[in-house]
Amino acid sequence: LLDRKDRMSMATGLEVRVPFCDHRLVEYVFNAPWALKSFDGREKSLLREASRDVLPQSVYDRVKSPYPSTQDPRYARALQEQAKDLLARPAHRVFDLVDRDRVRKAAEREAPVSDQAARRGLERTLDLAQWLDLYAPELVLG
């Protein structure tokens, strides 16, 4: 986000500040318990209450919208290729935890994985496989 902000502001000759990126604030909020961050059952409760007196009611009550992201199809194809490489290792321990057939179906789709759930599934599977390779924990499945 900071990189995008920098490029967009420089392109228009503006100097833009990002107050919520102060490391002290980030560290505080990161370490705050979830119950404090969502004490009223909504996301960003802490931020909403801290700024209640300075925000218009319409902003205070606005529903959070996800930051838009555009996924490059090459990224999806790279995930599929990595998943195929993982499938070529049938004894990999990740398959003790993850359904091999679902990984295979996502890896062999004709079109690149554009479905967010399938893409995230491949990402998490590949992350888990790498973690298992790096740390080699003892798995006790019962």
N, C-alpha and C. Protein backbone atom coordinates (compact mmCIF):
# COMPACT_ATOMS: atom_id res chain seq x y z
N LEU A 1 0.81 -1.19 0.00
CA LEU A 1 0.00 0.00 0.00
C LEU A 1 0.86 1.26 0.00
N LEU A 2 1.94 1.23 0.78
CA LEU A 2 2.79 2.41 0.82
C LEU A 2 3.43 2.68 -0.53
N ASP A 3 3.86 1.62 -1.19
CA ASP A 3 4.47 1.79 -2.51
C ASP A 3 3.47 2.40 -3.48
N ARG A 4 2.25 1.90 -3.47
CA ARG A 4 1.21 2.43 -4.36
C ARG A 4 0.92 3.89 -4.02
N LYS A 5 0.82 4.21 -2.73
CA LYS A 5 0.58 5.59 -2.31
C LYS A 5 1.71 6.48 -2.81
N ASP A 6 2.96 6.03 -2.64
CA ASP A 6 4.11 6.83 -3.08
C ASP A 6 4.06 7.10 -4.58
N ARG A 7 3.81 6.07 -5.37
CA ARG A 7 3.80 6.24 -6.82
C ARG A 7 2.66 7.16 -7.27
N MET A 8 1.49 6.97 -6.68
CA MET A 8 0.34 7.78 -7.09
C MET A 8 0.52 9.24 -6.67
N SER A 9 1.03 9.47 -5.48
CA SER A 9 1.19 10.85 -5.03
C SER A 9 2.32 11.55 -5.78
N MET A 10 3.41 10.86 -6.04
CA MET A 10 4.50 11.47 -6.79
C MET A 10 4.08 11.79 -8.22
N ALA A 11 3.27 10.93 -8.80
CA ALA A 11 2.82 11.15 -10.18
C ALA A 11 1.97 12.41 -10.31
N THR A 12 1.33 12.81 -9.21
CA THR A 12 0.48 14.00 -9.27
C THR A 12 1.08 15.19 -8.53
N GLY A 13 2.32 15.03 -8.06
CA GLY A 13 2.99 16.14 -7.39
C GLY A 13 2.46 16.45 -6.00
N LEU A 14 1.89 15.47 -5.34
CA LEU A 14 1.35 15.68 -4.00
C LEU A 14 2.26 15.05 -2.95
N GLU A 15 2.28 15.65 -1.77
CA GLU A 15 2.94 15.04 -0.64
C GLU A 15 1.85 14.47 0.25
N VAL A 16 1.86 13.18 0.43
CA VAL A 16 0.78 12.49 1.15
C VAL A 16 1.35 11.86 2.41
N ARG A 17 0.63 11.98 3.50
CA ARG A 17 1.01 11.36 4.77
C ARG A 17 0.13 10.14 5.03
N VAL A 18 0.69 9.18 5.73
CA VAL A 18 -0.04 7.96 6.06
C VAL A 18 0.04 7.78 7.58
N PRO A 19 -0.83 8.45 8.32
CA PRO A 19 -0.70 8.46 9.78
C PRO A 19 -0.87 7.10 10.44
N PHE A 20 -1.65 6.22 9.85
CA PHE A 20 -1.86 4.92 10.49
C PHE A 20 -0.69 3.98 10.29
N CYS A 21 0.34 4.41 9.59
CA CYS A 21 1.52 3.56 9.37
C CYS A 21 2.65 3.89 10.34
N ASP A 22 2.40 4.73 11.32
CA ASP A 22 3.40 5.00 12.35
C ASP A 22 3.67 3.69 13.08
N HIS A 23 4.93 3.31 13.19
CA HIS A 23 5.26 1.99 13.74
C HIS A 23 4.77 1.80 15.16
N ARG A 24 4.71 2.87 15.95
CA ARG A 24 4.23 2.72 17.33
C ARG A 24 2.74 2.38 17.36
N LEU A 25 1.99 3.01 16.50
CA LEU A 25 0.56 2.71 16.41
C LEU A 25 0.33 1.30 15.88
N VAL A 26 1.06 0.93 14.85
CA VAL A 26 0.93 -0.41 14.27
C VAL A 26 1.25 -1.47 15.31
N GLU A 27 2.35 -1.28 16.06
CA GLU A 27 2.73 -2.26 17.09
C GLU A 27 1.68 -2.34 18.19
N TYR A 28 1.15 -1.19 18.61
CA TYR A 28 0.14 -1.19 19.66
C TYR A 28 -1.10 -1.96 19.22
N VAL A 29 -1.60 -1.63 18.05
CA VAL A 29 -2.83 -2.26 17.57
C VAL A 29 -2.60 -3.73 17.27
N PHE A 30 -1.43 -4.07 16.73
CA PHE A 30 -1.13 -5.48 16.45
C PHE A 30 -1.19 -6.30 17.73
N ASN A 31 -0.70 -5.73 18.82
CA ASN A 31 -0.63 -6.46 20.09
C ASN A 31 -1.89 -6.33 20.94
N ALA A 32 -2.82 -5.49 20.54
CA ALA A 32 -4.07 -5.35 21.29
C ALA A 32 -4.90 -6.62 21.14
N PRO A 33 -5.55 -7.06 22.19
CA PRO A 33 -6.38 -8.27 22.08
C PRO A 33 -7.55 -8.06 21.12
N TRP A 34 -7.95 -9.14 20.47
CA TRP A 34 -9.03 -9.07 19.49
C TRP A 34 -10.31 -8.51 20.11
N ALA A 35 -10.56 -8.86 21.36
CA ALA A 35 -11.77 -8.37 22.03
C ALA A 35 -11.80 -6.84 22.08
N LEU A 36 -10.65 -6.21 22.18
CA LEU A 36 -10.58 -4.75 22.19
C LEU A 36 -10.79 -4.19 20.79
N LYS A 37 -10.29 -4.90 19.79
CA LYS A 37 -10.40 -4.42 18.41
C LYS A 37 -11.81 -4.57 17.86
N SER A 38 -12.61 -5.42 18.49
CA SER A 38 -13.97 -5.65 17.98
C SER A 38 -14.98 -5.70 19.13
N PHE A 39 -14.80 -4.81 20.09
CA PHE A 39 -15.62 -4.88 21.31
C PHE A 39 -17.11 -4.68 21.08
N ASP A 40 -17.48 -4.03 19.97
CA ASP A 40 -18.91 -3.83 19.72
C ASP A 40 -19.44 -4.77 18.63
N GLY A 41 -18.65 -5.79 18.33
CA GLY A 41 -19.08 -6.77 17.33
C GLY A 41 -18.81 -6.36 15.90
N ARG A 42 -18.11 -5.26 15.71
CA ARG A 42 -17.79 -4.77 14.36
C ARG A 42 -16.29 -4.74 14.19
N GLU A 43 -15.86 -4.75 12.94
CA GLU A 43 -14.44 -4.60 12.67
C GLU A 43 -14.02 -3.16 12.96
N LYS A 44 -12.77 -2.98 13.29
CA LYS A 44 -12.16 -1.66 13.52
C LYS A 44 -12.84 -0.88 14.65
N SER A 45 -13.34 -1.57 15.67
CA SER A 45 -14.03 -0.90 16.78
C SER A 45 -13.13 0.12 17.47
N LEU A 46 -11.89 -0.25 17.69
CA LEU A 46 -10.95 0.63 18.38
C LEU A 46 -10.75 1.93 17.59
N LEU A 47 -10.53 1.81 16.30
CA LEU A 47 -10.35 2.98 15.44
C LEU A 47 -11.63 3.81 15.37
N ARG A 48 -12.76 3.16 15.23
CA ARG A 48 -14.03 3.88 15.14
C ARG A 48 -14.27 4.73 16.40
N GLU A 49 -14.07 4.11 17.56
CA GLU A 49 -14.32 4.84 18.81
C GLU A 49 -13.30 5.96 19.02
N ALA A 50 -12.05 5.71 18.67
CA ALA A 50 -11.02 6.74 18.85
C ALA A 50 -11.29 7.96 17.99
N SER A 51 -11.96 7.78 16.87
CA SER A 51 -12.19 8.89 15.94
C SER A 51 -13.67 9.32 15.88
N ARG A 52 -14.47 8.82 16.77
CA ARG A 52 -15.92 9.09 16.75
C ARG A 52 -16.23 10.59 16.73
N ASP A 53 -15.50 11.38 17.50
CA ASP A 53 -15.80 12.81 17.62
C ASP A 53 -15.34 13.63 16.42
N VAL A 54 -14.53 13.06 15.56
CA VAL A 54 -14.01 13.84 14.42
C VAL A 54 -14.53 13.34 13.08
N LEU A 55 -15.23 12.22 13.07
CA LEU A 55 -15.75 11.68 11.81
C LEU A 55 -17.23 12.00 11.65
N PRO A 56 -17.65 12.25 10.42
CA PRO A 56 -19.10 12.34 10.18
C PRO A 56 -19.74 10.98 10.48
N GLN A 57 -20.97 10.99 10.90
CA GLN A 57 -21.66 9.74 11.25
C GLN A 57 -21.66 8.76 10.09
N SER A 58 -21.78 9.27 8.85
CA SER A 58 -21.81 8.37 7.69
C SER A 58 -20.49 7.62 7.52
N VAL A 59 -19.39 8.26 7.87
CA VAL A 59 -18.09 7.60 7.78
C VAL A 59 -17.94 6.63 8.95
N TYR A 60 -18.33 7.07 10.13
CA TYR A 60 -18.25 6.22 11.32
C TYR A 60 -19.02 4.92 11.12
N ASP A 61 -20.19 4.99 10.49
CA ASP A 61 -21.05 3.82 10.31
C ASP A 61 -20.78 3.05 9.02
N ARG A 62 -19.88 3.52 8.19
CA ARG A 62 -19.67 2.88 6.89
C ARG A 62 -19.18 1.44 7.06
N VAL A 63 -19.71 0.56 6.24
CA VAL A 63 -19.30 -0.84 6.24
C VAL A 63 -17.95 -0.96 5.56
N LYS A 64 -17.08 -1.74 6.15
CA LYS A 64 -15.75 -1.93 5.60
C LYS A 64 -15.84 -2.59 4.23
N SER A 65 -15.07 -2.09 3.29
CA SER A 65 -15.00 -2.73 1.97
C SER A 65 -13.57 -3.20 1.77
N PRO A 66 -13.37 -4.36 1.18
CA PRO A 66 -12.02 -4.88 1.02
C PRO A 66 -11.22 -4.03 0.05
N TYR A 67 -9.93 -3.95 0.30
CA TYR A 67 -9.05 -3.22 -0.61
C TYR A 67 -9.04 -3.96 -1.93
N PRO A 68 -9.28 -3.27 -3.02
CA PRO A 68 -9.33 -3.99 -4.31
C PRO A 68 -7.96 -4.49 -4.72
N SER A 69 -7.94 -5.70 -5.22
CA SER A 69 -6.68 -6.23 -5.74
C SER A 69 -6.96 -6.92 -7.06
N THR A 70 -6.09 -6.70 -7.98
CA THR A 70 -6.21 -7.34 -9.28
C THR A 70 -5.12 -8.39 -9.36
N GLN A 71 -5.52 -9.62 -9.58
CA GLN A 71 -4.55 -10.70 -9.64
C GLN A 71 -4.09 -10.91 -11.06
N ASP A 72 -2.80 -10.86 -11.25
CA ASP A 72 -2.20 -11.13 -12.55
C ASP A 72 -2.39 -12.62 -12.85
N PRO A 73 -2.90 -12.98 -14.03
CA PRO A 73 -3.10 -14.39 -14.36
C PRO A 73 -1.80 -15.19 -14.31
N ARG A 74 -0.66 -14.53 -14.51
CA ARG A 74 0.63 -15.24 -14.43
C ARG A 74 0.88 -15.75 -13.02
N TYR A 75 0.39 -15.00 -12.02
CA TYR A 75 0.54 -15.44 -10.64
C TYR A 75 -0.24 -16.74 -10.42
N ALA A 76 -1.46 -16.79 -10.92
CA ALA A 76 -2.28 -18.00 -10.78
C ALA A 76 -1.62 -19.18 -11.48
N ARG A 77 -1.07 -18.95 -12.67
CA ARG A 77 -0.39 -20.04 -13.39
C ARG A 77 0.85 -20.50 -12.63
N ALA A 78 1.58 -19.56 -12.02
CA ALA A 78 2.76 -19.93 -11.23
C ALA A 78 2.35 -20.79 -10.04
N LEU A 79 1.23 -20.44 -9.39
CA LEU A 79 0.73 -21.27 -8.29
C LEU A 79 0.42 -22.68 -8.77
N GLN A 80 -0.24 -22.76 -9.93
CA GLN A 80 -0.59 -24.07 -10.47
C GLN A 80 0.66 -24.89 -10.77
N GLU A 81 1.69 -24.25 -11.32
CA GLU A 81 2.94 -24.97 -11.62
C GLU A 81 3.60 -25.46 -10.34
N GLN A 82 3.62 -24.62 -9.32
CA GLN A 82 4.21 -25.04 -8.05
C GLN A 82 3.41 -26.19 -7.44
N ALA A 83 2.10 -26.14 -7.58
CA ALA A 83 1.26 -27.22 -7.06
C ALA A 83 1.55 -28.52 -7.81
N LYS A 84 1.75 -28.43 -9.12
CA LYS A 84 2.09 -29.63 -9.90
C LYS A 84 3.43 -30.20 -9.45
N ASP A 85 4.39 -29.32 -9.16
CA ASP A 85 5.68 -29.78 -8.64
C ASP A 85 5.50 -30.50 -7.31
N LEU A 86 4.64 -29.97 -6.47
CA LEU A 86 4.37 -30.60 -5.18
C LEU A 86 3.68 -31.95 -5.37
N LEU A 87 2.74 -32.02 -6.30
CA LEU A 87 2.05 -33.28 -6.58
C LEU A 87 2.99 -34.35 -7.12
N ALA A 88 4.09 -33.92 -7.73
CA ALA A 88 5.09 -34.88 -8.23
C ALA A 88 5.88 -35.51 -7.08
N ARG A 89 5.63 -35.05 -5.87
CA ARG A 89 6.25 -35.62 -4.66
C ARG A 89 5.14 -36.28 -3.84
N PRO A 90 4.66 -37.45 -4.28
CA PRO A 90 3.47 -38.05 -3.65
C PRO A 90 3.63 -38.38 -2.17
N ALA A 91 4.86 -38.53 -1.70
CA ALA A 91 5.05 -38.88 -0.29
C ALA A 91 5.18 -37.63 0.60
N HIS A 92 5.01 -36.46 0.03
CA HIS A 92 5.16 -35.25 0.84
C HIS A 92 4.16 -35.26 1.98
N ARG A 93 4.63 -34.86 3.15
CA ARG A 93 3.79 -34.91 4.35
C ARG A 93 2.59 -33.98 4.31
N VAL A 94 2.62 -32.98 3.44
CA VAL A 94 1.47 -32.08 3.36
C VAL A 94 0.20 -32.85 2.99
N PHE A 95 0.38 -33.95 2.25
CA PHE A 95 -0.80 -34.72 1.82
C PHE A 95 -1.37 -35.58 2.94
N ASP A 96 -0.71 -35.59 4.10
CA ASP A 96 -1.32 -36.18 5.29
C ASP A 96 -2.37 -35.22 5.87
N LEU A 97 -2.27 -33.95 5.48
CA LEU A 97 -3.12 -32.91 6.04
C LEU A 97 -4.08 -32.29 5.03
N VAL A 98 -3.74 -32.38 3.75
CA VAL A 98 -4.48 -31.70 2.69
C VAL A 98 -4.95 -32.73 1.67
N ASP A 99 -6.14 -32.55 1.15
CA ASP A 99 -6.71 -33.45 0.16
C ASP A 99 -5.96 -33.32 -1.18
N ARG A 100 -5.21 -34.35 -1.52
CA ARG A 100 -4.39 -34.37 -2.74
C ARG A 100 -5.25 -34.15 -3.99
N ASP A 101 -6.43 -34.75 -4.04
CA ASP A 101 -7.29 -34.63 -5.23
C ASP A 101 -7.76 -33.19 -5.45
N ARG A 102 -8.06 -32.49 -4.37
CA ARG A 102 -8.47 -31.08 -4.52
C ARG A 102 -7.31 -30.23 -5.03
N VAL A 103 -6.11 -30.52 -4.55
CA VAL A 103 -4.93 -29.79 -5.04
C VAL A 103 -4.73 -30.10 -6.52
N ARG A 104 -4.87 -31.37 -6.88
CA ARG A 104 -4.70 -31.77 -8.29
C ARG A 104 -5.72 -31.07 -9.19
N LYS A 105 -6.98 -31.05 -8.76
CA LYS A 105 -8.02 -30.39 -9.57
C LYS A 105 -7.72 -28.91 -9.77
N ALA A 106 -7.30 -28.24 -8.72
CA ALA A 106 -6.98 -26.81 -8.84
C ALA A 106 -5.74 -26.60 -9.71
N ALA A 107 -4.77 -27.51 -9.62
CA ALA A 107 -3.54 -27.37 -10.40
C ALA A 107 -3.75 -27.66 -11.87
N GLU A 108 -4.73 -28.51 -12.18
CA GLU A 108 -4.93 -28.93 -13.57
C GLU A 108 -6.06 -28.18 -14.27
N ARG A 109 -6.62 -27.19 -13.64
CA ARG A 109 -7.69 -26.42 -14.30
C ARG A 109 -7.16 -25.81 -15.58
N GLU A 110 -8.00 -25.81 -16.60
CA GLU A 110 -7.61 -25.26 -17.90
C GLU A 110 -7.30 -23.77 -17.79
N ALA A 111 -8.25 -23.03 -17.23
CA ALA A 111 -8.03 -21.60 -17.03
C ALA A 111 -7.24 -21.40 -15.75
N PRO A 112 -6.43 -20.36 -15.68
CA PRO A 112 -5.72 -20.10 -14.43
C PRO A 112 -6.70 -19.96 -13.27
N VAL A 113 -6.25 -20.28 -12.10
CA VAL A 113 -7.10 -20.24 -10.91
C VAL A 113 -7.49 -18.79 -10.65
N SER A 114 -8.73 -18.44 -11.00
CA SER A 114 -9.19 -17.08 -10.75
C SER A 114 -10.14 -17.04 -9.55
N ASP A 115 -10.70 -18.20 -9.20
CA ASP A 115 -11.57 -18.30 -8.04
C ASP A 115 -10.72 -18.05 -6.79
N GLN A 116 -11.09 -17.04 -6.01
CA GLN A 116 -10.28 -16.68 -4.85
C GLN A 116 -10.13 -17.81 -3.85
N ALA A 117 -11.18 -18.56 -3.62
CA ALA A 117 -11.10 -19.65 -2.65
C ALA A 117 -10.11 -20.72 -3.12
N ALA A 118 -10.17 -21.07 -4.41
CA ALA A 118 -9.24 -22.07 -4.94
C ALA A 118 -7.81 -21.55 -4.91
N ARG A 119 -7.64 -20.28 -5.27
CA ARG A 119 -6.30 -19.69 -5.26
C ARG A 119 -5.74 -19.68 -3.85
N ARG A 120 -6.56 -19.26 -2.90
CA ARG A 120 -6.09 -19.23 -1.51
C ARG A 120 -5.79 -20.64 -1.01
N GLY A 121 -6.59 -21.61 -1.46
CA GLY A 121 -6.31 -22.99 -1.08
C GLY A 121 -4.95 -23.45 -1.57
N LEU A 122 -4.62 -23.12 -2.82
CA LEU A 122 -3.29 -23.46 -3.33
C LEU A 122 -2.21 -22.71 -2.57
N GLU A 123 -2.43 -21.43 -2.31
CA GLU A 123 -1.44 -20.64 -1.57
C GLU A 123 -1.18 -21.26 -0.20
N ARG A 124 -2.25 -21.58 0.53
CA ARG A 124 -2.07 -22.15 1.88
C ARG A 124 -1.40 -23.51 1.82
N THR A 125 -1.77 -24.32 0.83
CA THR A 125 -1.15 -25.65 0.70
C THR A 125 0.34 -25.51 0.43
N LEU A 126 0.71 -24.62 -0.48
CA LEU A 126 2.13 -24.42 -0.79
C LEU A 126 2.87 -23.83 0.40
N ASP A 127 2.23 -22.91 1.12
CA ASP A 127 2.84 -22.36 2.34
C ASP A 127 3.09 -23.46 3.36
N LEU A 128 2.08 -24.30 3.57
CA LEU A 128 2.19 -25.38 4.55
C LEU A 128 3.28 -26.37 4.14
N ALA A 129 3.34 -26.71 2.86
CA ALA A 129 4.36 -27.64 2.38
C ALA A 129 5.75 -27.08 2.64
N GLN A 130 5.93 -25.80 2.36
CA GLN A 130 7.25 -25.19 2.59
C GLN A 130 7.57 -25.15 4.08
N TRP A 131 6.57 -24.84 4.89
CA TRP A 131 6.78 -24.81 6.34
C TRP A 131 7.19 -26.20 6.85
N LEU A 132 6.51 -27.23 6.36
CA LEU A 132 6.86 -28.60 6.75
C LEU A 132 8.28 -28.93 6.33
N ASP A 133 8.68 -28.48 5.13
CA ASP A 133 10.05 -28.73 4.66
C ASP A 133 11.07 -28.00 5.52
N LEU A 134 10.78 -26.77 5.89
CA LEU A 134 11.74 -25.97 6.65
C LEU A 134 11.90 -26.43 8.09
N TYR A 135 10.78 -26.73 8.74
CA TYR A 135 10.82 -26.98 10.17
C TYR A 135 10.67 -28.45 10.56
N ALA A 136 10.24 -29.27 9.63
CA ALA A 136 10.12 -30.72 9.85
C ALA A 136 9.54 -31.08 11.22
N PRO A 137 8.36 -30.55 11.55
CA PRO A 137 7.77 -30.91 12.84
C PRO A 137 7.32 -32.37 12.84
N GLU A 138 7.24 -32.92 14.02
CA GLU A 138 6.72 -34.27 14.14
C GLU A 138 5.19 -34.19 14.10
N LEU A 139 4.60 -34.89 13.16
CA LEU A 139 3.15 -34.88 13.04
C LEU A 139 2.59 -36.13 13.70
N VAL A 140 1.69 -35.93 14.62
CA VAL A 140 1.02 -37.04 15.27
C VAL A 140 -0.45 -36.92 14.93
N LEU A 141 -0.88 -37.74 14.00
CA LEU A 141 -2.27 -37.70 13.56
C LEU A 141 -3.00 -38.88 14.18
N GLY A 142 -4.10 -38.61 14.78
CA GLY A 142 -4.78 -39.70 15.45
C GLY A 142 -6.18 -39.70 15.14
